[in-house]
C-alpha atoms as a PDB file:
ATOM      1  CA  MET A   1      -7.957   6.156   1.589  1.00  0.00           C
ATOM      2  CA  PRO A   2      -6.406   5.010  -1.671  1.00  0.00           C
ATOM      3  CA  LYS A   3      -5.107   1.493  -2.154  1.00  0.00           C
ATOM      4  CA  GLY A   4      -1.470   1.128  -1.240  1.00  0.00           C
ATOM      5  CA  HIS A   5      -1.766   3.022   2.044  1.00  0.00           C
ATOM      6  CA  ALA A   6      -2.433   2.071   5.650  1.00  0.00           C
ATOM      7  CA  VAL A   7      -2.796   3.811   8.995  1.00  0.00           C
ATOM      8  CA  VAL A   8      -0.492   2.601  11.748  1.00  0.00           C
ATOM      9  CA  LEU A   9      -1.897   2.899  15.271  1.00  0.00           C
ATOM     10  CA  ALA A  10       0.514   2.418  18.151  1.00  0.00           C
ATOM     11  CA  SER A  11      -0.046   3.103  21.821  1.00  0.00           C
ATOM     12  CA  GLY A  12       1.249   6.475  22.949  1.00  0.00           C
ATOM     13  CA  THR A  13       1.845   7.867  19.451  1.00  0.00           C
ATOM     14  CA  ARG A  14      -0.128   9.746  16.853  1.00  0.00           C
ATOM     15  CA  PRO A  15      -1.568   7.749  13.925  1.00  0.00           C
ATOM     16  CA  THR A  16       0.791   7.535  10.965  1.00  0.00           C
ATOM     17  CA  LEU A  17      -0.106   7.104   7.314  1.00  0.00           C
ATOM     18  CA  ILE A  18       2.245   4.777   5.434  1.00  0.00           C
ATOM     19  CA  ALA A  19       2.654   3.440   1.923  1.00  0.00           C
ATOM     20  CA  THR A  20       2.425  -0.338   1.966  1.00  0.00           C
ATOM     21  CA  GLN A  21       4.919  -2.713   0.330  1.00  0.00           C
ATOM     22  CA  LEU A  22       3.136  -5.079  -2.033  1.00  0.00           C
ATOM     23  CA  TRP A  23       4.382  -8.642  -2.075  1.00  0.00           C
ATOM     24  CA  MET A  24       4.256  -8.555  -5.888  1.00  0.00           C
ATOM     25  CA  THR A  25       7.040  -5.949  -5.975  1.00  0.00           C
ATOM     26  CA  GLY A  26       9.029  -7.149  -2.968  1.00  0.00           C
ATOM     27  CA  PRO A  27      12.216  -9.166  -2.846  1.00  0.00           C
ATOM     28  CA  HIS A  28      10.352 -12.450  -2.245  1.00  0.00           C
ATOM     29  CA  ALA A  29       7.785 -12.112  -5.049  1.00  0.00           C
ATOM     30  CA  SER A  30       8.921 -15.236  -6.892  1.00  0.00           C
ATOM     31  CA  ALA A  31       8.838 -17.334  -3.705  1.00  0.00           C
ATOM     32  CA  VAL A  32       5.347 -16.076  -2.855  1.00  0.00           C
ATOM     33  CA  LYS A  33       4.119 -16.845  -6.391  1.00  0.00           C
ATOM     34  CA  ALA A  34       5.624 -20.342  -6.169  1.00  0.00           C
ATOM     35  CA  SER A  35       3.893 -20.912  -2.824  1.00  0.00           C
ATOM     36  CA  ILE A  36       0.566 -19.736  -4.248  1.00  0.00           C
ATOM     37  CA  ALA A  37       1.012 -22.046  -7.228  1.00  0.00           C
ATOM     38  CA  ALA A  38       1.791 -24.998  -4.943  1.00  0.00           C
ATOM     39  CA  HIS A  39      -0.910 -24.473  -2.309  1.00  0.00           C
ATOM     40  CA  ASP A  40      -3.760 -22.319  -3.644  1.00  0.00           C
ATOM     41  CA  PRO A  41      -6.484 -24.209  -5.542  1.00  0.00           C
ATOM     42  CA  SER A  42      -7.411 -20.896  -7.221  1.00  0.00           C
ATOM     43  CA  THR A  43      -3.870 -19.999  -8.301  1.00  0.00           C
ATOM     44  CA  THR A  44      -4.841 -18.293 -11.548  1.00  0.00           C
ATOM     45  CA  THR A  45      -7.552 -16.190  -9.909  1.00  0.00           C
ATOM     46  CA  THR A  46      -5.312 -15.220  -7.000  1.00  0.00           C
ATOM     47  CA  LEU A  47      -2.420 -14.133  -9.232  1.00  0.00           C
ATOM     48  CA  ASP A  48      -4.751 -12.297 -11.643  1.00  0.00           C
ATOM     49  CA  ASP A  49      -6.331 -10.439  -8.700  1.00  0.00           C
ATOM     50  CA  ALA A  50      -2.872  -9.555  -7.384  1.00  0.00           C
ATOM     51  CA  GLN A  51      -1.880  -8.140 -10.771  1.00  0.00           C
ATOM     52  CA  ARG A  52      -5.043  -6.009 -10.908  1.00  0.00           C
ATOM     53  CA  GLU A  53      -4.330  -4.703  -7.393  1.00  0.00           C
ATOM     54  CA  LEU A  54      -0.771  -3.827  -8.430  1.00  0.00           C
ATOM     55  CA  VAL A  55      -2.088  -1.803 -11.376  1.00  0.00           C
ATOM     56  CA  ASP A  56      -4.652  -0.023  -9.150  1.00  0.00           C
ATOM     57  CA  VAL A  57      -2.049   0.883  -6.536  1.00  0.00           C
ATOM     58  CA  GLY A  58       0.343   2.132  -9.204  1.00  0.00           C
ATOM     59  CA  ARG A  59      -2.401   4.306 -10.664  1.00  0.00           C
ATOM     60  CA  ASN A  60      -3.255   5.736  -7.223  1.00  0.00           C
ATOM     61  CA  LEU A  61       0.374   6.507  -6.414  1.00  0.00           C
ATOM     62  CA  ALA A  62       0.945   8.108  -9.818  1.00  0.00           C
ATOM     63  CA  ALA A  63      -1.998  10.450  -9.153  1.00  0.00           C
ATOM     64  CA  LEU A  64      -0.224  11.871  -6.103  1.00  0.00           C
ATOM     65  CA  ASP A  65       2.761  14.182  -6.606  1.00  0.00           C
ATOM     66  CA  ASP A  66       4.248  13.199  -3.271  1.00  0.00           C
ATOM     67  CA  PRO A  67       2.228  10.396  -1.630  1.00  0.00           C
ATOM     68  CA  VAL A  68       3.559  11.034   1.862  1.00  0.00           C
ATOM     69  CA  ARG A  69       3.122  14.808   1.911  1.00  0.00           C
ATOM     70  CA  SER A  70      -0.158  14.748  -0.008  1.00  0.00           C
ATOM     71  CA  TRP A  71      -1.774  12.392   2.493  1.00  0.00           C
ATOM     72  CA  ALA A  72       0.126  12.785   5.745  1.00  0.00           C
ATOM     73  CA  GLY A  73       1.133  16.414   5.951  1.00  0.00           C
ATOM     74  CA  SER A  74       3.503  19.055   4.721  1.00  0.00           C
ATOM     75  CA  ALA A  75       7.285  18.925   4.659  1.00  0.00           C
ATOM     76  CA  ASN A  76       7.523  20.655   8.048  1.00  0.00           C
ATOM     77  CA  GLY A  77       5.256  18.106   9.719  1.00  0.00           C
ATOM     78  CA  THR A  78       2.116  20.266   9.867  1.00  0.00           C
ATOM     79  CA  PRO A  79      -0.930  18.019   9.366  1.00  0.00           C
ATOM     80  CA  MET A  80      -3.043  18.566   6.296  1.00  0.00           C
ATOM     81  CA  PRO A  81      -6.441  20.132   7.112  1.00  0.00           C
ATOM     82  CA  HIS A  82      -8.393  16.917   6.488  1.00  0.00           C
ATOM     83  CA  LEU A  83      -6.245  15.061   9.038  1.00  0.00           C
ATOM     84  CA  ARG A  84      -6.525  17.556  11.899  1.00  0.00           C
ATOM     85  CA  ARG A  85      -8.578  16.591  14.932  1.00  0.00           C
END
């Protein structure tokens, strides 16, 4: 599974593939960075790693025409062959 995706498992439902929301692109990115700077002894390493992850996820998403349909199924809800049981 490419970075930037997760499988959600909930009781009584079928597994669902989702695209994750990275904190680096979210509405609280500056607050998270400030918290890391204030409390993480390895601030530079942590923020550099986060930036590399952001680039990797962007590259993975750009490689997919439609991330949801390409990984989860077609427009009419039919599972892709590799996801069938």
